[in-house]
Amino acid sequence: MPDVAEITQTAQANVQAKLQVGMLRKMLDAQQTEAAALMKMMEGKGQNVDLRV
């Protein structure tokens, strides 16, 4: 029979894993959007790329 502490730890680990996956998905979506915007900026230019930071 599982211990209550084990069940609680497992539940906490599951919640934490779901939260991390959600955060990673949001970060990936943001990076994909940013990459698409950068690619659009580079379309049609071709000659000069200004990479100043």
N, C-alpha and C. Protein backbone atom coordinates (compact mmCIF):
# COMPACT_ATOMS: atom_id res chain seq x y z
N MET A 1 0.85 -1.18 0.00
CA MET A 1 0.00 0.00 0.00
C MET A 1 0.90 1.24 0.00
N PRO A 2 0.65 2.15 -0.95
CA PRO A 2 1.50 3.34 -1.06
C PRO A 2 1.35 4.25 0.16
N ASP A 3 2.43 4.86 0.49
CA ASP A 3 2.48 5.80 1.61
C ASP A 3 1.88 7.14 1.16
N VAL A 4 1.23 7.85 2.06
CA VAL A 4 0.62 9.15 1.74
C VAL A 4 1.69 10.15 1.29
N ALA A 5 2.85 10.09 1.91
CA ALA A 5 3.94 10.99 1.53
C ALA A 5 4.41 10.72 0.10
N GLU A 6 4.46 9.44 -0.28
CA GLU A 6 4.85 9.09 -1.65
C GLU A 6 3.82 9.61 -2.66
N ILE A 7 2.55 9.46 -2.33
CA ILE A 7 1.49 9.93 -3.22
C ILE A 7 1.58 11.45 -3.38
N THR A 8 1.81 12.15 -2.27
CA THR A 8 1.93 13.61 -2.31
C THR A 8 3.12 14.03 -3.15
N GLN A 9 4.26 13.37 -2.97
CA GLN A 9 5.45 13.70 -3.74
C GLN A 9 5.23 13.44 -5.22
N THR A 10 4.58 12.35 -5.53
CA THR A 10 4.31 12.01 -6.93
C THR A 10 3.37 13.06 -7.55
N ALA A 11 2.35 13.44 -6.81
CA ALA A 11 1.42 14.45 -7.31
C ALA A 11 2.12 15.78 -7.53
N GLN A 12 2.98 16.17 -6.61
CA GLN A 12 3.73 17.41 -6.74
C GLN A 12 4.67 17.34 -7.94
N ALA A 13 5.31 16.21 -8.14
CA ALA A 13 6.21 16.04 -9.28
C ALA A 13 5.45 16.13 -10.59
N ASN A 14 4.24 15.55 -10.63
CA ASN A 14 3.41 15.61 -11.84
C ASN A 14 3.00 17.03 -12.15
N VAL A 15 2.59 17.77 -11.13
CA VAL A 15 2.19 19.17 -11.32
C VAL A 15 3.37 19.99 -11.80
N GLN A 16 4.53 19.77 -11.19
CA GLN A 16 5.72 20.51 -11.59
C GLN A 16 6.12 20.18 -13.03
N ALA A 17 6.04 18.92 -13.41
CA ALA A 17 6.38 18.52 -14.78
C ALA A 17 5.42 19.14 -15.78
N LYS A 18 4.14 19.17 -15.46
CA LYS A 18 3.16 19.78 -16.36
C LYS A 18 3.40 21.28 -16.50
N LEU A 19 3.75 21.93 -15.40
CA LEU A 19 4.05 23.35 -15.44
C LEU A 19 5.28 23.62 -16.30
N GLN A 20 6.31 22.81 -16.15
CA GLN A 20 7.53 22.98 -16.93
C GLN A 20 7.25 22.78 -18.42
N VAL A 21 6.45 21.78 -18.75
CA VAL A 21 6.12 21.53 -20.16
C VAL A 21 5.35 22.71 -20.73
N GLY A 22 4.42 23.24 -19.95
CA GLY A 22 3.66 24.41 -20.40
C GLY A 22 4.55 25.61 -20.63
N MET A 23 5.49 25.84 -19.71
CA MET A 23 6.42 26.96 -19.86
C MET A 23 7.30 26.77 -21.09
N LEU A 24 7.79 25.55 -21.30
CA LEU A 24 8.63 25.28 -22.47
C LEU A 24 7.86 25.48 -23.77
N ARG A 25 6.60 25.08 -23.77
CA ARG A 25 5.78 25.29 -24.98
C ARG A 25 5.62 26.76 -25.28
N LYS A 26 5.37 27.57 -24.24
CA LYS A 26 5.22 29.01 -24.44
C LYS A 26 6.52 29.61 -24.95
N MET A 27 7.64 29.19 -24.39
CA MET A 27 8.94 29.70 -24.83
C MET A 27 9.20 29.32 -26.28
N LEU A 28 8.88 28.08 -26.64
CA LEU A 28 9.09 27.63 -28.02
C LEU A 28 8.20 28.41 -28.98
N ASP A 29 6.95 28.61 -28.61
CA ASP A 29 6.05 29.40 -29.46
C ASP A 29 6.58 30.82 -29.66
N ALA A 30 7.06 31.42 -28.58
CA ALA A 30 7.61 32.78 -28.68
C ALA A 30 8.84 32.81 -29.58
N GLN A 31 9.70 31.81 -29.46
CA GLN A 31 10.90 31.77 -30.29
C GLN A 31 10.55 31.53 -31.75
N GLN A 32 9.54 30.70 -32.00
CA GLN A 32 9.13 30.46 -33.37
C GLN A 32 8.55 31.72 -33.99
N THR A 33 7.77 32.46 -33.20
CA THR A 33 7.20 33.72 -33.68
C THR A 33 8.31 34.72 -33.98
N GLU A 34 9.28 34.79 -33.08
CA GLU A 34 10.41 35.70 -33.28
C GLU A 34 11.22 35.30 -34.51
N ALA A 35 11.45 34.01 -34.70
CA ALA A 35 12.20 33.54 -35.86
C ALA A 35 11.46 33.86 -37.16
N ALA A 36 10.14 33.70 -37.14
CA ALA A 36 9.35 34.03 -38.33
C ALA A 36 9.45 35.52 -38.65
N ALA A 37 9.42 36.35 -37.62
CA ALA A 37 9.54 37.79 -37.83
C ALA A 37 10.91 38.14 -38.40
N LEU A 38 11.96 37.50 -37.88
CA LEU A 38 13.31 37.75 -38.41
C LEU A 38 13.44 37.30 -39.86
N MET A 39 12.87 36.14 -40.16
CA MET A 39 12.92 35.65 -41.54
C MET A 39 12.18 36.59 -42.47
N LYS A 40 11.07 37.13 -42.02
CA LYS A 40 10.31 38.07 -42.84
C LYS A 40 11.10 39.34 -43.08
N MET A 41 11.83 39.80 -42.05
CA MET A 41 12.65 41.00 -42.21
C MET A 41 13.76 40.78 -43.23
N MET A 42 14.27 39.56 -43.31
CA MET A 42 15.37 39.28 -44.21
C MET A 42 14.90 39.01 -45.64
N GLU A 43 13.62 38.75 -45.83
CA GLU A 43 13.10 38.49 -47.17
C GLU A 43 13.26 39.74 -48.04
N GLY A 44 13.68 39.53 -49.24
CA GLY A 44 13.73 40.61 -50.21
C GLY A 44 14.89 41.57 -50.02
N LYS A 45 15.55 41.53 -48.91
CA LYS A 45 16.66 42.45 -48.70
C LYS A 45 17.89 41.89 -49.41
N GLY A 46 18.43 40.82 -48.91
CA GLY A 46 19.49 40.10 -49.59
C GLY A 46 20.84 40.76 -49.64
N GLN A 47 20.91 42.06 -49.81
CA GLN A 47 22.19 42.72 -50.03
C GLN A 47 22.93 42.99 -48.72
N ASN A 48 22.30 43.70 -47.82
CA ASN A 48 22.97 44.11 -46.59
C ASN A 48 22.19 43.62 -45.38
N VAL A 49 22.90 43.00 -44.47
CA VAL A 49 22.27 42.53 -43.23
C VAL A 49 22.98 43.26 -42.09
N ASP A 50 22.22 44.05 -41.35
CA ASP A 50 22.78 44.80 -40.23
C ASP A 50 22.59 43.99 -38.95
N LEU A 51 23.69 43.54 -38.36
CA LEU A 51 23.62 42.67 -37.19
C LEU A 51 24.07 43.39 -35.93
N ARG A 52 23.90 44.70 -35.87
CA ARG A 52 24.29 45.44 -34.67
C ARG A 52 23.38 45.08 -33.51
N VAL A 53 23.97 45.08 -32.32
CA VAL A 53 23.20 44.77 -31.11
C VAL A 53 23.05 46.02 -30.29
